[in-house]
PDB file of N, CA and C in Angstrom:
ATOM      1  N   MET A   1       0.841  -1.178   0.000  1.00  0.00           N
ATOM      2  CA  MET A   1       0.000   0.000   0.000  1.00  0.00           C
ATOM      3  C   MET A   1       0.886   1.240   0.000  1.00  0.00           C
ATOM      4  N   ALA A   2       0.598   2.147  -0.904  1.00  0.00           N
ATOM      5  CA  ALA A   2       1.403   3.358  -1.033  1.00  0.00           C
ATOM      6  C   ALA A   2       0.997   4.378   0.032  1.00  0.00           C
ATOM      7  N   THR A   3       2.001   5.074   0.548  1.00  0.00           N
ATOM      8  CA  THR A   3       1.709   6.128   1.513  1.00  0.00           C
ATOM      9  C   THR A   3       1.512   7.440   0.765  1.00  0.00           C
ATOM     10  N   LYS A   4       0.655   8.277   1.297  1.00  0.00           N
ATOM     11  CA  LYS A   4       0.391   9.567   0.674  1.00  0.00           C
ATOM     12  C   LYS A   4       1.502  10.534   1.060  1.00  0.00           C
ATOM     13  N   ARG A   5       2.129  11.114   0.052  1.00  0.00           N
ATOM     14  CA  ARG A   5       3.208  12.069   0.288  1.00  0.00           C
ATOM     15  C   ARG A   5       2.667  13.487   0.232  1.00  0.00           C
ATOM     16  N   THR A   6       3.203  14.337   1.092  1.00  0.00           N
ATOM     17  CA  THR A   6       2.844  15.752   1.066  1.00  0.00           C
ATOM     18  C   THR A   6       3.617  16.419  -0.059  1.00  0.00           C
ATOM     19  N   PRO A   7       2.925  17.148  -0.945  1.00  0.00           N
ATOM     20  CA  PRO A   7       3.636  17.840  -2.024  1.00  0.00           C
ATOM     21  C   PRO A   7       4.617  18.867  -1.463  1.00  0.00           C
ATOM     22  N   TRP A   8       5.581  19.222  -2.287  1.00  0.00           N
ATOM     23  CA  TRP A   8       6.569  20.223  -1.905  1.00  0.00           C
ATOM     24  C   TRP A   8       6.051  21.594  -2.266  1.00  0.00           C
ATOM     25  N   PRO A   9       6.236  22.624  -1.501  1.00  0.00           N
ATOM     26  CA  PRO A   9       6.861  22.679  -0.180  1.00  0.00           C
ATOM     27  C   PRO A   9       5.884  22.279   0.921  1.00  0.00           C
ATOM     28  N   GLY A  10       6.387  21.517   1.853  1.00  0.00           N
ATOM     29  CA  GLY A  10       5.551  20.973   2.909  1.00  0.00           C
ATOM     30  C   GLY A  10       4.889  22.025   3.784  1.00  0.00           C
ATOM     31  N   TRP A  11       5.571  23.149   4.019  1.00  0.00           N
ATOM     32  CA  TRP A  11       4.993  24.182   4.880  1.00  0.00           C
ATOM     33  C   TRP A  11       3.737  24.790   4.266  1.00  0.00           C
ATOM     34  N   VAL A  12       3.549  24.639   2.962  1.00  0.00           N
ATOM     35  CA  VAL A  12       2.343  25.148   2.303  1.00  0.00           C
ATOM     36  C   VAL A  12       1.248  24.098   2.323  1.00  0.00           C
ATOM     37  N   TYR A  13       1.585  22.874   1.953  1.00  0.00           N
ATOM     38  CA  TYR A  13       0.583  21.844   1.698  1.00  0.00           C
ATOM     39  C   TYR A  13       0.305  20.908   2.865  1.00  0.00           C
ATOM     40  N   ARG A  14       1.056  21.015   3.948  1.00  0.00           N
ATOM     41  CA  ARG A  14       0.937  20.068   5.054  1.00  0.00           C
ATOM     42  C   ARG A  14      -0.446  20.086   5.703  1.00  0.00           C
ATOM     43  N   ASP A  15      -1.008  21.271   5.914  1.00  0.00           N
ATOM     44  CA  ASP A  15      -2.269  21.402   6.649  1.00  0.00           C
ATOM     45  C   ASP A  15      -3.381  21.910   5.740  1.00  0.00           C
ATOM     46  N   GLY A  16      -4.610  21.707   6.176  1.00  0.00           N
ATOM     47  CA  GLY A  16      -5.761  22.270   5.491  1.00  0.00           C
ATOM     48  C   GLY A  16      -6.268  21.413   4.348  1.00  0.00           C
ATOM     49  N   GLN A  17      -7.210  22.005   3.607  1.00  0.00           N
ATOM     50  CA  GLN A  17      -7.839  21.322   2.484  1.00  0.00           C
ATOM     51  C   GLN A  17      -7.516  22.065   1.197  1.00  0.00           C
ATOM     52  N   ASP A  18      -7.608  21.341   0.093  1.00  0.00           N
ATOM     53  CA  ASP A  18      -7.360  21.970  -1.200  1.00  0.00           C
ATOM     54  C   ASP A  18      -8.378  23.080  -1.443  1.00  0.00           C
ATOM     55  N   PRO A  19      -7.904  24.276  -1.832  1.00  0.00           N
ATOM     56  CA  PRO A  19      -8.841  25.352  -2.164  1.00  0.00           C
ATOM     57  C   PRO A  19      -9.453  25.099  -3.544  1.00  0.00           C
ATOM     58  N   PRO A  20     -10.458  25.874  -3.929  1.00  0.00           N
ATOM     59  CA  PRO A  20     -10.991  25.734  -5.284  1.00  0.00           C
ATOM     60  C   PRO A  20      -9.875  25.935  -6.316  1.00  0.00           C
ATOM     61  N   TYR A  21      -9.951  25.193  -7.411  1.00  0.00           N
ATOM     62  CA  TYR A  21      -8.897  25.259  -8.420  1.00  0.00           C
ATOM     63  C   TYR A  21      -8.708  26.665  -8.970  1.00  0.00           C
ATOM     64  N   GLN A  22      -9.808  27.395  -9.160  1.00  0.00           N
ATOM     65  CA  GLN A  22      -9.698  28.738  -9.715  1.00  0.00           C
ATOM     66  C   GLN A  22      -8.856  29.635  -8.815  1.00  0.00           C
ATOM     67  N   SER A  23      -9.044  29.525  -7.522  1.00  0.00           N
ATOM     68  CA  SER A  23      -8.287  30.344  -6.577  1.00  0.00           C
ATOM     69  C   SER A  23      -6.814  29.973  -6.591  1.00  0.00           C
ATOM     70  N   SER A  24      -6.540  28.684  -6.575  1.00  0.00           N
ATOM     71  CA  SER A  24      -5.154  28.224  -6.565  1.00  0.00           C
ATOM     72  C   SER A  24      -4.438  28.605  -7.860  1.00  0.00           C
ATOM     73  N   LEU A  25      -5.125  28.442  -8.989  1.00  0.00           N
ATOM     74  CA  LEU A  25      -4.518  28.809 -10.272  1.00  0.00           C
ATOM     75  C   LEU A  25      -4.347  30.320 -10.398  1.00  0.00           C
ATOM     76  N   GLY A  26      -5.276  31.096  -9.841  1.00  0.00           N
ATOM     77  CA  GLY A  26      -5.126  32.550  -9.830  1.00  0.00           C
ATOM     78  C   GLY A  26      -3.914  32.972  -9.013  1.00  0.00           C
ATOM     79  N   ASN A  27      -3.710  32.310  -7.882  1.00  0.00           N
ATOM     80  CA  ASN A  27      -2.540  32.581  -7.056  1.00  0.00           C
ATOM     81  C   ASN A  27      -1.259  32.246  -7.819  1.00  0.00           C
ATOM     82  N   GLU A  28      -1.280  31.147  -8.555  1.00  0.00           N
ATOM     83  CA  GLU A  28      -0.107  30.761  -9.343  1.00  0.00           C
ATOM     84  C   GLU A  28       0.160  31.758 -10.469  1.00  0.00           C
ATOM     85  N   ARG A  29      -0.887  32.245 -11.121  1.00  0.00           N
ATOM     86  CA  ARG A  29      -0.705  33.245 -12.185  1.00  0.00           C
ATOM     87  C   ARG A  29      -0.096  34.524 -11.627  1.00  0.00           C
ATOM     88  N   THR A  30      -0.544  34.927 -10.446  1.00  0.00           N
ATOM     89  CA  THR A  30       0.025  36.115  -9.812  1.00  0.00           C
ATOM     90  C   THR A  30       1.498  35.894  -9.496  1.00  0.00           C
ATOM     91  N   PHE A  31       1.825  34.724  -8.978  1.00  0.00           N
ATOM     92  CA  PHE A  31       3.221  34.381  -8.697  1.00  0.00           C
ATOM     93  C   PHE A  31       4.065  34.459  -9.968  1.00  0.00           C
ATOM     94  N   LEU A  32       3.555  33.895 -11.052  1.00  0.00           N
ATOM     95  CA  LEU A  32       4.309  33.916 -12.305  1.00  0.00           C
ATOM     96  C   LEU A  32       4.467  35.331 -12.849  1.00  0.00           C
ATOM     97  N   SER A  33       3.492  36.197 -12.613  1.00  0.00           N
ATOM     98  CA  SER A  33       3.623  37.601 -13.017  1.00  0.00           C
ATOM     99  C   SER A  33       4.753  38.278 -12.253  1.00  0.00           C
ATOM    100  N   TRP A  34       4.841  37.996 -10.969  1.00  0.00           N
ATOM    101  CA  TRP A  34       5.924  38.563 -10.172  1.00  0.00           C
ATOM    102  C   TRP A  34       7.283  37.997 -10.604  1.00  0.00           C
ATOM    103  N   VAL A  35       7.313  36.740 -10.992  1.00  0.00           N
ATOM    104  CA  VAL A  35       8.565  36.149 -11.483  1.00  0.00           C
ATOM    105  C   VAL A  35       8.992  36.839 -12.779  1.00  0.00           C
ATOM    106  N   ARG A  36       8.046  37.100 -13.672  1.00  0.00           N
ATOM    107  CA  ARG A  36       8.374  37.828 -14.908  1.00  0.00           C
ATOM    108  C   ARG A  36       8.891  39.225 -14.593  1.00  0.00           C
ATOM    109  N   THR A  37       8.285  39.866 -13.609  1.00  0.00           N
ATOM    110  CA  THR A  37       8.751  41.191 -13.195  1.00  0.00           C
ATOM    111  C   THR A  37      10.171  41.104 -12.651  1.00  0.00           C
ATOM    112  N   ALA A  38      10.440  40.096 -11.844  1.00  0.00           N
ATOM    113  CA  ALA A  38      11.789  39.910 -11.296  1.00  0.00           C
ATOM    114  C   ALA A  38      12.806  39.704 -12.411  1.00  0.00           C
ATOM    115  N   LEU A  39      12.463  38.879 -13.390  1.00  0.00           N
ATOM    116  CA  LEU A  39      13.371  38.652 -14.521  1.00  0.00           C
ATOM    117  C   LEU A  39      13.601  39.933 -15.313  1.00  0.00           C
ATOM    118  N   SER A  40      12.570  40.754 -15.444  1.00  0.00           N
ATOM    119  CA  SER A  40      12.711  42.027 -16.158  1.00  0.00           C
ATOM    120  C   SER A  40      13.682  42.955 -15.437  1.00  0.00           C
ATOM    121  N   PHE A  41      13.580  43.015 -14.123  1.00  0.00           N
ATOM    122  CA  PHE A  41      14.504  43.858 -13.372  1.00  0.00           C
ATOM    123  C   PHE A  41      15.933  43.328 -13.437  1.00  0.00           C
ATOM    124  N   LEU A  42      16.090  42.021 -13.378  1.00  0.00           N
ATOM    125  CA  LEU A  42      17.429  41.441 -13.526  1.00  0.00           C
ATOM    126  C   LEU A  42      18.014  41.782 -14.892  1.00  0.00           C
ATOM    127  N   ALA A  43      17.223  41.617 -15.945  1.00  0.00           N
ATOM    128  CA  ALA A  43      17.696  41.918 -17.300  1.00  0.00           C
ATOM    129  C   ALA A  43      18.018  43.399 -17.453  1.00  0.00           C
ATOM    130  N   ALA A  44      17.181  44.271 -16.896  1.00  0.00           N
ATOM    131  CA  ALA A  44      17.429  45.712 -16.993  1.00  0.00           C
ATOM    132  C   ALA A  44      18.712  46.096 -16.259  1.00  0.00           C
ATOM    133  N   GLY A  45      18.930  45.511 -15.089  1.00  0.00           N
ATOM    134  CA  GLY A  45      20.146  45.816 -14.343  1.00  0.00           C
ATOM    135  C   GLY A  45      21.396  45.355 -15.063  1.00  0.00           C
ATOM    136  N   ILE A  46      21.350  44.171 -15.644  1.00  0.00           N
ATOM    137  CA  ILE A  46      22.506  43.660 -16.391  1.00  0.00           C
ATOM    138  C   ILE A  46      22.740  44.495 -17.640  1.00  0.00           C
ATOM    139  N   ALA A  47      21.666  44.830 -18.357  1.00  0.00           N
ATOM    140  CA  ALA A  47      21.802  45.650 -19.566  1.00  0.00           C
ATOM    141  C   ALA A  47      22.355  47.026 -19.232  1.00  0.00           C
ATOM    142  N   LEU A  48      21.899  47.619 -18.154  1.00  0.00           N
ATOM    143  CA  LEU A  48      22.376  48.941 -17.766  1.00  0.00           C
ATOM    144  C   LEU A  48      23.853  48.912 -17.406  1.00  0.00           C
ATOM    145  N   ASP A  49      24.317  47.819 -16.864  1.00  0.00           N
ATOM    146  CA  ASP A  49      25.733  47.709 -16.523  1.00  0.00           C
ATOM    147  C   ASP A  49      26.606  47.536 -17.761  1.00  0.00           C
ATOM    148  N   VAL A  50      26.043  46.976 -18.822  1.00  0.00           N
ATOM    149  CA  VAL A  50      26.822  46.688 -20.031  1.00  0.00           C
ATOM    150  C   VAL A  50      26.967  47.916 -20.927  1.00  0.00           C
ATOM    151  N   VAL A  51      25.892  48.694 -21.072  1.00  0.00           N
ATOM    152  CA  VAL A  51      25.933  49.847 -21.980  1.00  0.00           C
ATOM    153  C   VAL A  51      26.674  51.009 -21.344  1.00  0.00           C
ATOM    154  N   ASP A  52      27.082  51.949 -22.188  1.00  0.00           N
ATOM    155  CA  ASP A  52      27.804  53.128 -21.720  1.00  0.00           C
ATOM    156  C   ASP A  52      26.917  54.347 -21.918  1.00  0.00           C
ATOM    157  N   LEU A  53      26.362  54.877 -20.847  1.00  0.00           N
ATOM    158  CA  LEU A  53      25.466  56.026 -20.917  1.00  0.00           C
ATOM    159  C   LEU A  53      26.224  57.309 -20.610  1.00  0.00           C
ATOM    160  N   SER A  54      25.572  58.428 -20.876  1.00  0.00           N
ATOM    161  CA  SER A  54      26.206  59.725 -20.632  1.00  0.00           C
ATOM    162  C   SER A  54      25.906  60.223 -19.217  1.00  0.00           C
ATOM    163  N   ILE A  55      25.969  59.333 -18.258  1.00  0.00           N
ATOM    164  CA  ILE A  55      25.817  59.690 -16.850  1.00  0.00           C
ATOM    165  C   ILE A  55      27.053  59.169 -16.121  1.00  0.00           C
ATOM    166  N   PRO A  56      27.324  59.686 -14.935  1.00  0.00           N
ATOM    167  CA  PRO A  56      28.496  59.191 -14.203  1.00  0.00           C
ATOM    168  C   PRO A  56      28.447  57.669 -14.020  1.00  0.00           C
ATOM    169  N   ARG A  57      29.584  57.037 -14.210  1.00  0.00           N
ATOM    170  CA  ARG A  57      29.658  55.574 -14.140  1.00  0.00           C
ATOM    171  C   ARG A  57      29.227  55.043 -12.773  1.00  0.00           C
ATOM    172  N   VAL A  58      29.561  55.770 -11.714  1.00  0.00           N
ATOM    173  CA  VAL A  58      29.198  55.305 -10.375  1.00  0.00           C
ATOM    174  C   VAL A  58      27.670  55.298 -10.209  1.00  0.00           C
ATOM    175  N   THR A  59      26.996  56.291 -10.788  1.00  0.00           N
ATOM    176  CA  THR A  59      25.530  56.332 -10.736  1.00  0.00           C
ATOM    177  C   THR A  59      24.943  55.191 -11.543  1.00  0.00           C
ATOM    178  N   GLN A  60      25.497  54.964 -12.723  1.00  0.00           N
ATOM    179  CA  GLN A  60      25.017  53.884 -13.583  1.00  0.00           C
ATOM    180  C   GLN A  60      25.177  52.532 -12.890  1.00  0.00           C
ATOM    181  N   THR A  61      26.315  52.324 -12.262  1.00  0.00           N
ATOM    182  CA  THR A  61      26.555  51.068 -11.549  1.00  0.00           C
ATOM    183  C   THR A  61      25.612  50.929 -10.355  1.00  0.00           C
ATOM    184  N   ALA A  62      25.398  52.027  -9.630  1.00  0.00           N
ATOM    185  CA  ALA A  62      24.497  51.980  -8.470  1.00  0.00           C
ATOM    186  C   ALA A  62      23.074  51.626  -8.894  1.00  0.00           C
ATOM    187  N   VAL A  63      22.618  52.214  -9.996  1.00  0.00           N
ATOM    188  CA  VAL A  63      21.266  51.911 -10.477  1.00  0.00           C
ATOM    189  C   VAL A  63      21.196  50.462 -10.959  1.00  0.00           C
ATOM    190  N   ALA A  64      22.238  50.000 -11.646  1.00  0.00           N
ATOM    191  CA  ALA A  64      22.260  48.611 -12.122  1.00  0.00           C
ATOM    192  C   ALA A  64      22.209  47.635 -10.946  1.00  0.00           C
ATOM    193  N   VAL A  65      22.996  47.899  -9.927  1.00  0.00           N
ATOM    194  CA  VAL A  65      22.987  47.042  -8.734  1.00  0.00           C
ATOM    195  C   VAL A  65      21.619  47.107  -8.049  1.00  0.00           C
ATOM    196  N   GLY A  66      21.028  48.297  -7.997  1.00  0.00           N
ATOM    197  CA  GLY A  66      19.700  48.441  -7.414  1.00  0.00           C
ATOM    198  C   GLY A  66      18.652  47.634  -8.162  1.00  0.00           C
ATOM    199  N   LEU A  67      18.716  47.649  -9.495  1.00  0.00           N
ATOM    200  CA  LEU A  67      17.758  46.892 -10.297  1.00  0.00           C
ATOM    201  C   LEU A  67      17.932  45.382 -10.107  1.00  0.00           C
ATOM    202  N   VAL A  68      19.172  44.927 -10.094  1.00  0.00           N
ATOM    203  CA  VAL A  68      19.421  43.497  -9.886  1.00  0.00           C
ATOM    204  C   VAL A  68      18.965  43.078  -8.483  1.00  0.00           C
ATOM    205  N   THR A  69      19.243  43.917  -7.498  1.00  0.00           N
ATOM    206  CA  THR A  69      18.807  43.623  -6.130  1.00  0.00           C
ATOM    207  C   THR A  69      17.284  43.562  -6.041  1.00  0.00           C
ATOM    208  N   LEU A  70      16.613  44.521  -6.691  1.00  0.00           N
ATOM    209  CA  LEU A  70      15.146  44.494  -6.714  1.00  0.00           C
ATOM    210  C   LEU A  70      14.630  43.234  -7.386  1.00  0.00           C
ATOM    211  N   GLY A  71      15.283  42.820  -8.457  1.00  0.00           N
ATOM    212  CA  GLY A  71      14.874  41.604  -9.150  1.00  0.00           C
ATOM    213  C   GLY A  71      15.000  40.373  -8.267  1.00  0.00           C
ATOM    214  N   LEU A  72      16.127  40.262  -7.574  1.00  0.00           N
ATOM    215  CA  LEU A  72      16.323  39.118  -6.676  1.00  0.00           C
ATOM    216  C   LEU A  72      15.334  39.146  -5.513  1.00  0.00           C
ATOM    217  N   LEU A  73      15.140  40.322  -4.940  1.00  0.00           N
ATOM    218  CA  LEU A  73      14.200  40.467  -3.835  1.00  0.00           C
ATOM    219  C   LEU A  73      12.776  40.148  -4.283  1.00  0.00           C
ATOM    220  N   CYS A  74      12.428  40.605  -5.466  1.00  0.00           N
ATOM    221  CA  CYS A  74      11.094  40.346  -6.010  1.00  0.00           C
ATOM    222  C   CYS A  74      10.868  38.847  -6.206  1.00  0.00           C
ATOM    223  N   ALA A  75      11.873  38.146  -6.686  1.00  0.00           N
ATOM    224  CA  ALA A  75      11.740  36.701  -6.894  1.00  0.00           C
ATOM    225  C   ALA A  75      11.527  35.971  -5.571  1.00  0.00           C
ATOM    226  N   VAL A  76      12.301  36.317  -4.570  1.00  0.00           N
ATOM    227  CA  VAL A  76      12.183  35.651  -3.269  1.00  0.00           C
ATOM    228  C   VAL A  76      10.844  35.979  -2.605  1.00  0.00           C
ATOM    229  N   VAL A  77      10.495  37.263  -2.595  1.00  0.00           N
ATOM    230  CA  VAL A  77       9.246  37.674  -1.945  1.00  0.00           C
ATOM    231  C   VAL A  77       8.039  37.081  -2.658  1.00  0.00           C
ATOM    232  N   SER A  78       8.101  36.981  -3.979  1.00  0.00           N
ATOM    233  CA  SER A  78       6.957  36.423  -4.714  1.00  0.00           C
ATOM    234  C   SER A  78       6.736  34.955  -4.348  1.00  0.00           C
ATOM    235  N   TRP A  79       7.819  34.205  -4.162  1.00  0.00           N
ATOM    236  CA  TRP A  79       7.671  32.795  -3.789  1.00  0.00           C
ATOM    237  C   TRP A  79       7.101  32.664  -2.372  1.00  0.00           C
ATOM    238  N   VAL A  80       7.623  33.472  -1.449  1.00  0.00           N
ATOM    239  CA  VAL A  80       7.126  33.428  -0.069  1.00  0.00           C
ATOM    240  C   VAL A  80       5.661  33.861  -0.028  1.00  0.00           C
ATOM    241  N   ARG A  81       5.330  34.898  -0.792  1.00  0.00           N
ATOM    242  CA  ARG A  81       3.941  35.381  -0.816  1.00  0.00           C
ATOM    243  C   ARG A  81       3.011  34.336  -1.442  1.00  0.00           C
ATOM    244  N   TRP A  82       3.464  33.680  -2.510  1.00  0.00           N
ATOM    245  CA  TRP A  82       2.653  32.618  -3.112  1.00  0.00           C
ATOM    246  C   TRP A  82       2.338  31.555  -2.061  1.00  0.00           C
ATOM    247  N   GLY A  83       3.374  31.129  -1.326  1.00  0.00           N
ATOM    248  CA  GLY A  83       3.183  30.095  -0.315  1.00  0.00           C
ATOM    249  C   GLY A  83       2.253  30.535   0.803  1.00  0.00           C
ATOM    250  N   ALA A  84       2.418  31.778   1.262  1.00  0.00           N
ATOM    251  CA  ALA A  84       1.570  32.286   2.339  1.00  0.00           C
ATOM    252  C   ALA A  84       0.113  32.396   1.888  1.00  0.00           C
ATOM    253  N   THR A  85      -0.091  32.819   0.650  1.00  0.00           N
ATOM    254  CA  THR A  85      -1.456  32.938   0.129  1.00  0.00           C
ATOM    255  C   THR A  85      -2.082  31.564  -0.057  1.00  0.00           C
ATOM    256  N   GLU A  86      -1.318  30.633  -0.614  1.00  0.00           N
ATOM    257  CA  GLU A  86      -1.831  29.269  -0.813  1.00  0.00           C
ATOM    258  C   GLU A  86      -2.176  28.632   0.534  1.00  0.00           C
ATOM    259  N   ARG A  87      -1.319  28.833   1.514  1.00  0.00           N
ATOM    260  CA  ARG A  87      -1.562  28.271   2.852  1.00  0.00           C
ATOM    261  C   ARG A  87      -2.805  28.901   3.479  1.00  0.00           C
ATOM    262  N   ALA A  88      -2.958  30.217   3.321  1.00  0.00           N
ATOM    263  CA  ALA A  88      -4.142  30.893   3.869  1.00  0.00           C
ATOM    264  C   ALA A  88      -5.415  30.345   3.232  1.00  0.00           C
ATOM    265  N   MET A  89      -5.381  30.104   1.926  1.00  0.00           N
ATOM    266  CA  MET A  89      -6.561  29.545   1.258  1.00  0.00           C
ATOM    267  C   MET A  89      -6.843  28.130   1.756  1.00  0.00           C
ATOM    268  N   ARG A  90      -5.798  27.344   1.968  1.00  0.00           N
ATOM    269  CA  ARG A  90      -5.972  25.964   2.443  1.00  0.00           C
ATOM    270  C   ARG A  90      -6.556  25.924   3.857  1.00  0.00           C
ATOM    271  N   LEU A  91      -6.211  26.914   4.673  1.00  0.00           N
ATOM    272  CA  LEU A  91      -6.679  26.954   6.061  1.00  0.00           C
ATOM    273  C   LEU A  91      -7.920  27.829   6.229  1.00  0.00           C
ATOM    274  N   ASN A  92      -8.470  28.314   5.121  1.00  0.00           N
ATOM    275  CA  ASN A  92      -9.671  29.156   5.126  1.00  0.00           C
ATOM    276  C   ASN A  92      -9.466  30.408   5.973  1.00  0.00           C
ATOM    277  N   ARG A  93      -8.319  31.053   5.794  1.00  0.00           N
ATOM    278  CA  ARG A  93      -7.992  32.291   6.502  1.00  0.00           C
ATOM    279  C   ARG A  93      -7.957  33.442   5.504  1.00  0.00           C
ATOM    280  N   SER A  94      -7.821  34.648   6.045  1.00  0.00           N
ATOM    281  CA  SER A  94      -7.704  35.823   5.178  1.00  0.00           C
ATOM    282  C   SER A  94      -6.379  35.781   4.427  1.00  0.00           C
ATOM    283  N   ILE A  95      -6.406  36.305   3.219  1.00  0.00           N
ATOM    284  CA  ILE A  95      -5.190  36.371   2.393  1.00  0.00           C
ATOM    285  C   ILE A  95      -4.273  37.444   2.982  1.00  0.00           C
ATOM    286  N   PRO A  96      -2.964  37.191   3.060  1.00  0.00           N
ATOM    287  CA  PRO A  96      -2.050  38.190   3.618  1.00  0.00           C
ATOM    288  C   PRO A  96      -2.031  39.466   2.775  1.00  0.00           C
ATOM    289  N   SER A  97      -1.796  40.586   3.443  1.00  0.00           N
ATOM    290  CA  SER A  97      -1.750  41.865   2.727  1.00  0.00           C
ATOM    291  C   SER A  97      -0.462  41.971   1.918  1.00  0.00           C
ATOM    292  N   LEU A  98      -0.472  42.873   0.964  1.00  0.00           N
ATOM    293  CA  LEU A  98       0.681  43.057   0.079  1.00  0.00           C
ATOM    294  C   LEU A  98       1.544  44.199   0.604  1.00  0.00           C
ATOM    295  N   GLY A  99       2.208  43.989   1.726  1.00  0.00           N
ATOM    296  CA  GLY A  99       3.072  45.014   2.295  1.00  0.00           C
ATOM    297  C   GLY A  99       4.292  45.291   1.443  1.00  0.00           C
ATOM    298  N   PHE A 100       4.800  44.267   0.764  1.00  0.00           N
ATOM    299  CA  PHE A 100       5.992  44.429  -0.067  1.00  0.00           C
ATOM    300  C   PHE A 100       5.716  45.303  -1.281  1.00  0.00           C
ATOM    301  N   GLY A 101       4.484  45.326  -1.746  1.00  0.00           N
ATOM    302  CA  GLY A 101       4.147  46.102  -2.940  1.00  0.00           C
ATOM    303  C   GLY A 101       4.484  47.571  -2.791  1.00  0.00           C
ATOM    304  N   MET A 102       4.188  48.156  -1.641  1.00  0.00           N
ATOM    305  CA  MET A 102       4.480  49.573  -1.421  1.00  0.00           C
ATOM    306  C   MET A 102       5.986  49.803  -1.364  1.00  0.00           C
ATOM    307  N   VAL A 103       6.707  48.950  -0.678  1.00  0.00           N
ATOM    308  CA  VAL A 103       8.169  49.072  -0.617  1.00  0.00           C
ATOM    309  C   VAL A 103       8.760  48.949  -2.016  1.00  0.00           C
ATOM    310  N   PHE A 104       8.244  48.006  -2.778  1.00  0.00           N
ATOM    311  CA  PHE A 104       8.710  47.776  -4.143  1.00  0.00           C
ATOM    312  C   PHE A 104       8.477  49.010  -5.008  1.00  0.00           C
ATOM    313  N   MET A 105       7.293  49.599  -4.928  1.00  0.00           N
ATOM    314  CA  MET A 105       6.984  50.782  -5.727  1.00  0.00           C
ATOM    315  C   MET A 105       7.837  51.978  -5.308  1.00  0.00           C
ATOM    316  N   LEU A 106       8.080  52.142  -4.026  1.00  0.00           N
ATOM    317  CA  LEU A 106       8.942  53.230  -3.569  1.00  0.00           C
ATOM    318  C   LEU A 106      10.372  53.047  -4.070  1.00  0.00           C
ATOM    319  N   ALA A 107      10.854  51.815  -4.074  1.00  0.00           N
ATOM    320  CA  ALA A 107      12.202  51.545  -4.583  1.00  0.00           C
ATOM    321  C   ALA A 107      12.289  51.841  -6.075  1.00  0.00           C
ATOM    322  N   ILE A 108      11.275  51.462  -6.829  1.00  0.00           N
ATOM    323  CA  ILE A 108      11.258  51.756  -8.265  1.00  0.00           C
ATOM    324  C   ILE A 108      11.234  53.265  -8.486  1.00  0.00           C
ATOM    325  N   GLY A 109      10.415  53.975  -7.720  1.00  0.00           N
ATOM    326  CA  GLY A 109      10.368  55.436  -7.827  1.00  0.00           C
ATOM    327  C   GLY A 109      11.700  56.074  -7.484  1.00  0.00           C
ATOM    328  N   GLY A 110      12.377  55.553  -6.461  1.00  0.00           N
ATOM    329  CA  GLY A 110      13.690  56.078  -6.096  1.00  0.00           C
ATOM    330  C   GLY A 110      14.726  55.864  -7.185  1.00  0.00           C
ATOM    331  N   ILE A 111      14.711  54.694  -7.795  1.00  0.00           N
ATOM    332  CA  ILE A 111      15.650  54.413  -8.885  1.00  0.00           C
ATOM    333  C   ILE A 111      15.346  55.303 -10.084  1.00  0.00           C
ATOM    334  N   ALA A 112      14.069  55.480 -10.403  1.00  0.00           N
ATOM    335  CA  ALA A 112      13.692  56.352 -11.520  1.00  0.00           C
ATOM    336  C   ALA A 112      14.114  57.792 -11.244  1.00  0.00           C
ATOM    337  N   ALA A 113      13.905  58.272 -10.023  1.00  0.00           N
ATOM    338  CA  ALA A 113      14.313  59.633  -9.669  1.00  0.00           C
ATOM    339  C   ALA A 113      15.824  59.792  -9.767  1.00  0.00           C
ATOM    340  N   LEU A 114      16.563  58.794  -9.340  1.00  0.00           N
ATOM    341  CA  LEU A 114      18.023  58.837  -9.436  1.00  0.00           C
ATOM    342  C   LEU A 114      18.479  58.935 -10.889  1.00  0.00           C
ATOM    343  N   MET A 115      17.836  58.195 -11.771  1.00  0.00           N
ATOM    344  CA  MET A 115      18.190  58.254 -13.196  1.00  0.00           C
ATOM    345  C   MET A 115      17.856  59.615 -13.793  1.00  0.00           C
ATOM    346  N   VAL A 116      16.719  60.187 -13.429  1.00  0.00           N
ATOM    347  CA  VAL A 116      16.338  61.511 -13.947  1.00  0.00           C
ATOM    348  C   VAL A 116      17.331  62.561 -13.480  1.00  0.00           C
ATOM    349  N   VAL A 117      17.680  62.544 -12.208  1.00  0.00           N
ATOM    350  CA  VAL A 117      18.646  63.511 -11.675  1.00  0.00           C
ATOM    351  C   VAL A 117      20.005  63.330 -12.342  1.00  0.00           C
ATOM    352  N   ALA A 118      20.404  62.108 -12.604  1.00  0.00           N
ATOM    353  CA  ALA A 118      21.706  61.847 -13.237  1.00  0.00           C
ATOM    354  C   ALA A 118      21.743  62.373 -14.666  1.00  0.00           C
ATOM    355  N   TRP A 119      20.608  62.358 -15.359  1.00  0.00           N
ATOM    356  CA  TRP A 119      20.587  62.826 -16.742  1.00  0.00           C
ATOM    357  C   TRP A 119      20.473  64.337 -16.850  1.00  0.00           C
ATOM    358  N   LEU A 120      20.109  65.024 -15.771  1.00  0.00           N
ATOM    359  CA  LEU A 120      19.977  66.490 -15.825  1.00  0.00           C
ATOM    360  C   LEU A 120      21.301  67.190 -15.836  1.00  0.00           C
TER     361      LEU A 120
END
């Protein structure tokens, strides 16, 4: 007789009941959107480091590092948020708030402002 294995990651699937498929798939689509955003920031940071712009090199490097850091942070936070949301649905609890979204938007605004000031 086969034993039932808990899917990976266990901290998400260990407890509770399966949520409706539409909810779970919607959560997965949101996760994949954040992953695409993370990849975009990684690509932008790498591209910015490769090209030679008419701004100080130290500013260009700082913005490139900021974009890559945002991309990595976005990837990690999106996975943790996916798991927390999936777990909340499985346990019939409220979905966690998007606290990272505001921090993320402020960081993007700061990087954009830095680029505008550098080009002036």
